[in-house]
Amino acid sequence: MPYVTSIEQIGIEKGMQQGMQQGMQQGMQQGEAAVLARLLIRRFGPLSQEARDRLQQASLEQLECWTDRILDAQSIEDLFDGRC
């Protein structure tokens, strides 16, 4: 096994930590998108491909905003077009 210096070890640990944080962020984003999709389907019926694409491409902050707005939105377009 090759020798790993303490500086290399710190870099490895930092990289692993960043990878875990990115994975957690992605998991939270996917979970929020899935919950919002379920709510949208229940409220407005089947989602168009465009709506599904918007959910998948949205940031976590945008998804949270849309989730907060779902009770007041009169349509999916109203939900997506409103300001957060």
Protein backbone atom coordinates (compact mmCIF):
# COMPACT_ATOMS: atom_id res chain seq x y z
CA MET A 1 0.00 0.00 0.00
CA PRO A 2 1.45 3.39 -0.95
CA TYR A 3 2.39 5.87 1.73
CA VAL A 4 -0.11 8.73 2.19
CA THR A 5 1.17 11.97 3.69
CA SER A 6 -0.86 13.87 6.25
CA ILE A 7 -1.54 16.60 3.68
CA GLU A 8 -2.84 14.00 1.22
CA GLN A 9 -4.95 12.47 3.98
CA ILE A 10 -6.49 15.87 4.75
CA GLY A 11 -7.28 16.30 1.04
CA ILE A 12 -8.87 12.86 0.87
CA GLU A 13 -10.99 13.53 3.96
CA LYS A 14 -12.04 16.95 2.64
CA GLY A 15 -13.02 15.42 -0.70
CA MET A 16 -15.04 12.71 1.01
CA GLN A 17 -16.81 15.30 3.16
CA GLN A 18 -17.67 17.44 0.12
CA GLY A 19 -18.98 14.37 -1.69
CA MET A 20 -21.20 13.44 1.23
CA GLN A 21 -22.57 16.99 1.46
CA GLN A 22 -23.32 17.04 -2.27
CA GLY A 23 -25.02 13.66 -1.99
CA MET A 24 -27.17 14.84 0.91
CA GLN A 25 -28.11 18.02 -0.96
CA GLN A 26 -29.06 16.02 -4.05
CA GLY A 27 -31.10 13.59 -1.96
CA MET A 28 -32.98 16.44 -0.28
CA GLN A 29 -33.66 18.03 -3.65
CA GLN A 30 -34.97 14.78 -5.13
CA GLY A 31 -37.15 14.16 -2.09
CA GLU A 32 -38.64 17.66 -2.19
CA ALA A 33 -39.32 17.29 -5.93
CA ALA A 34 -41.05 13.94 -5.37
CA VAL A 35 -43.29 15.31 -2.60
CA LEU A 36 -44.19 18.38 -4.64
CA ALA A 37 -44.97 16.21 -7.68
CA ARG A 38 -47.35 14.10 -5.57
CA LEU A 39 -49.08 17.21 -4.25
CA LEU A 40 -49.38 18.71 -7.73
CA ILE A 41 -50.85 15.52 -9.16
CA ARG A 42 -53.36 15.31 -6.34
CA ARG A 43 -54.37 18.96 -6.74
CA PHE A 44 -54.21 19.47 -10.53
CA GLY A 45 -54.09 16.00 -12.08
CA PRO A 46 -51.38 14.40 -14.23
CA LEU A 47 -48.25 16.48 -14.82
CA SER A 48 -47.08 17.50 -18.25
CA GLN A 49 -43.54 16.65 -19.30
CA GLU A 50 -42.70 20.34 -19.00
CA ALA A 51 -43.86 20.40 -15.37
CA ARG A 52 -41.88 17.24 -14.55
CA ASP A 53 -38.79 18.76 -16.20
CA ARG A 54 -39.16 21.97 -14.18
CA LEU A 55 -39.37 19.99 -10.95
CA GLN A 56 -36.26 17.99 -11.81
CA GLN A 57 -34.23 21.07 -12.77
CA ALA A 58 -35.29 23.30 -9.87
CA SER A 59 -33.06 24.19 -6.96
CA LEU A 60 -33.95 23.07 -3.46
CA GLU A 61 -34.88 26.66 -2.59
CA GLN A 62 -37.22 26.90 -5.59
CA LEU A 63 -38.87 23.59 -4.74
CA GLU A 64 -39.43 24.71 -1.15
CA CYS A 65 -40.97 27.96 -2.37
CA TRP A 66 -43.33 26.14 -4.75
CA THR A 67 -44.31 23.73 -1.97
CA ASP A 68 -45.19 26.70 0.25
CA ARG A 69 -47.28 28.23 -2.56
CA ILE A 70 -49.23 25.12 -3.57
CA LEU A 71 -52.22 25.82 -1.31
CA ASP A 72 -52.77 29.27 -2.83
CA ALA A 73 -52.05 28.46 -6.49
CA GLN A 74 -55.03 28.22 -8.81
CA SER A 75 -53.07 26.29 -11.46
CA ILE A 76 -49.64 24.76 -12.04
CA GLU A 77 -48.77 27.74 -14.21
CA ASP A 78 -49.75 30.07 -11.36
CA LEU A 79 -47.49 28.11 -9.03
CA PHE A 80 -44.48 28.13 -11.36
CA ASP A 81 -44.88 31.73 -12.56
CA GLY A 82 -45.28 33.32 -9.14
CA ARG A 83 -42.44 35.05 -7.38
CA CYS A 84 -40.84 33.60 -4.28
